[in-house]
């Protein structure tokens, strides 16, 4: 299950952000996951809950936004959203296309509570 290694990398990003920005608590983690990333959102949520225990992410909500497959036609240069394979250009019917999106896996944003800094 590669979701565990992916979530471990997500937590490395979160931990670095928490440390660098003096964050008290993470409330929400927003991920963008492409349809072609071959990732199961339910598995990500389950693993997130396990890895969050005892960290500044404990109790945080994980939101997974599925990103569509996008492609560009090599024949007519039309950009389009793909529904299935083979990818067929809706403008000219060509199958000569290349994928431009839908493989991403990234932390899009964090919602956090920051530490209150004292003037003392």
Protein backbone atom coordinates (compact mmCIF):
# COMPACT_ATOMS: atom_id res chain seq x y z
CA UNK A 1 0.00 0.00 0.00
CA UNK A 2 1.84 3.09 -1.24
CA UNK A 3 -0.64 5.37 0.51
CA UNK A 4 1.38 4.91 3.73
CA UNK A 5 4.58 6.23 2.14
CA UNK A 6 2.67 9.09 0.50
CA UNK A 7 1.10 10.09 3.81
CA UNK A 8 4.48 9.87 5.53
CA UNK A 9 5.75 12.42 3.00
CA UNK A 10 2.68 14.60 3.64
CA UNK A 11 3.48 14.54 7.36
CA UNK A 12 7.08 15.55 6.64
CA UNK A 13 5.74 18.61 4.80
CA UNK A 14 3.27 19.37 7.59
CA UNK A 15 5.88 18.96 10.34
CA UNK A 16 8.30 21.26 8.54
CA UNK A 17 5.56 23.87 8.08
CA UNK A 18 4.46 23.56 11.73
CA UNK A 19 8.02 24.02 12.98
CA UNK A 20 8.92 26.87 10.62
CA UNK A 21 5.74 28.86 11.30
CA UNK A 22 5.28 28.25 15.04
CA UNK A 23 1.92 26.55 14.54
CA UNK A 24 0.04 25.36 17.62
CA UNK A 25 -2.49 23.05 15.96
CA UNK A 26 -3.41 21.91 12.45
CA UNK A 27 -7.18 22.01 11.91
CA UNK A 28 -7.46 20.88 8.30
CA UNK A 29 -5.19 19.43 5.63
CA UNK A 30 -6.28 19.92 2.02
CA UNK A 31 -4.78 17.51 -0.50
CA UNK A 32 -5.14 17.58 -4.27
CA UNK A 33 -5.00 14.09 -5.76
CA UNK A 34 -5.20 13.44 -9.49
CA UNK A 35 -7.48 10.71 -10.80
CA UNK A 36 -4.43 9.02 -12.33
CA UNK A 37 -2.39 9.11 -9.11
CA UNK A 38 -3.62 5.60 -8.27
CA UNK A 39 -4.44 6.55 -4.69
CA UNK A 40 -7.44 5.44 -2.63
CA UNK A 41 -8.86 8.45 -0.72
CA UNK A 42 -10.37 6.17 1.97
CA UNK A 43 -6.94 4.67 2.62
CA UNK A 44 -5.42 8.15 2.86
CA UNK A 45 -8.00 9.17 5.46
CA UNK A 46 -7.45 6.02 7.50
CA UNK A 47 -3.65 6.41 7.44
CA UNK A 48 -3.92 10.14 8.20
CA UNK A 49 -5.90 9.34 11.34
CA UNK A 50 -3.25 6.88 12.51
CA UNK A 51 -0.27 9.14 11.77
CA UNK A 52 -1.98 12.17 13.34
CA UNK A 53 -2.20 10.55 16.78
CA UNK A 54 -0.05 12.45 19.27
CA UNK A 55 0.90 15.16 16.76
CA UNK A 56 -0.29 18.68 16.06
CA UNK A 57 -2.59 17.12 13.44
CA UNK A 58 -4.54 15.07 15.99
CA UNK A 59 -8.22 15.85 15.47
CA UNK A 60 -7.56 17.59 12.14
CA UNK A 61 -9.79 17.02 9.14
CA UNK A 62 -8.32 15.64 5.92
CA UNK A 63 -9.97 16.90 2.74
CA UNK A 64 -9.07 15.16 -0.52
CA UNK A 65 -9.92 17.02 -3.72
CA UNK A 66 -9.88 14.77 -6.77
CA UNK A 67 -8.27 16.50 -9.74
CA UNK A 68 -9.56 15.65 -13.22
CA UNK A 69 -7.56 14.18 -16.07
CA UNK A 70 -6.64 16.94 -18.49
CA UNK A 71 -5.01 16.47 -21.85
CA UNK A 72 -3.87 18.40 -24.88
CA UNK A 73 -4.49 17.33 -28.47
CA UNK A 74 -1.35 17.05 -30.59
CA UNK A 75 -3.42 17.49 -33.76
CA UNK A 76 -5.47 20.63 -33.03
CA UNK A 77 -3.87 21.86 -29.76
CA UNK A 78 -7.22 21.71 -27.92
CA UNK A 79 -7.01 21.27 -24.12
CA UNK A 80 -9.75 19.06 -22.68
CA UNK A 81 -10.82 16.95 -19.72
CA UNK A 82 -10.56 13.22 -20.29
CA UNK A 83 -13.17 10.80 -19.06
CA UNK A 84 -11.53 7.50 -19.94
CA UNK A 85 -8.97 5.82 -22.10
CA UNK A 86 -8.12 6.19 -24.82
CA UNK A 87 -8.20 9.96 -24.52
CA UNK A 88 -10.01 11.31 -27.57
CA UNK A 89 -10.04 15.00 -28.45
CA UNK A 90 -13.64 16.26 -28.39
CA UNK A 91 -12.78 18.95 -30.96
CA UNK A 92 -11.23 16.85 -33.75
CA UNK A 93 -11.56 13.21 -32.66
CA UNK A 94 -7.81 12.60 -32.62
CA UNK A 95 -6.29 10.05 -30.25
CA UNK A 96 -2.92 11.77 -30.49
CA UNK A 97 -2.99 13.45 -27.10
CA UNK A 98 -0.76 13.91 -24.08
CA UNK A 99 -1.76 14.14 -20.44
CA UNK A 100 -1.26 17.53 -18.79
CA UNK A 101 -2.99 16.91 -15.46
CA UNK A 102 -4.52 14.28 -13.25
CA UNK A 103 -1.34 12.75 -11.83
CA UNK A 104 -0.77 15.29 -9.05
CA UNK A 105 -0.50 14.53 -5.36
CA UNK A 106 0.14 17.62 -3.29
CA UNK A 107 -0.63 19.42 -0.07
CA UNK A 108 -2.74 22.32 -1.35
CA UNK A 109 -3.18 24.10 2.00
CA UNK A 110 -3.33 23.81 5.77
CA UNK A 111 -5.78 25.48 8.13
CA UNK A 112 -4.06 26.09 11.45
CA UNK A 113 -4.06 27.81 14.83
CA UNK A 114 -0.86 29.79 15.27
CA UNK A 115 0.95 30.28 18.56
CA UNK A 116 0.30 33.60 20.26
CA UNK A 117 3.63 35.39 20.53
CA UNK A 118 4.37 37.19 23.74
CA UNK A 119 6.09 40.61 23.86
CA UNK A 120 7.88 39.68 27.10
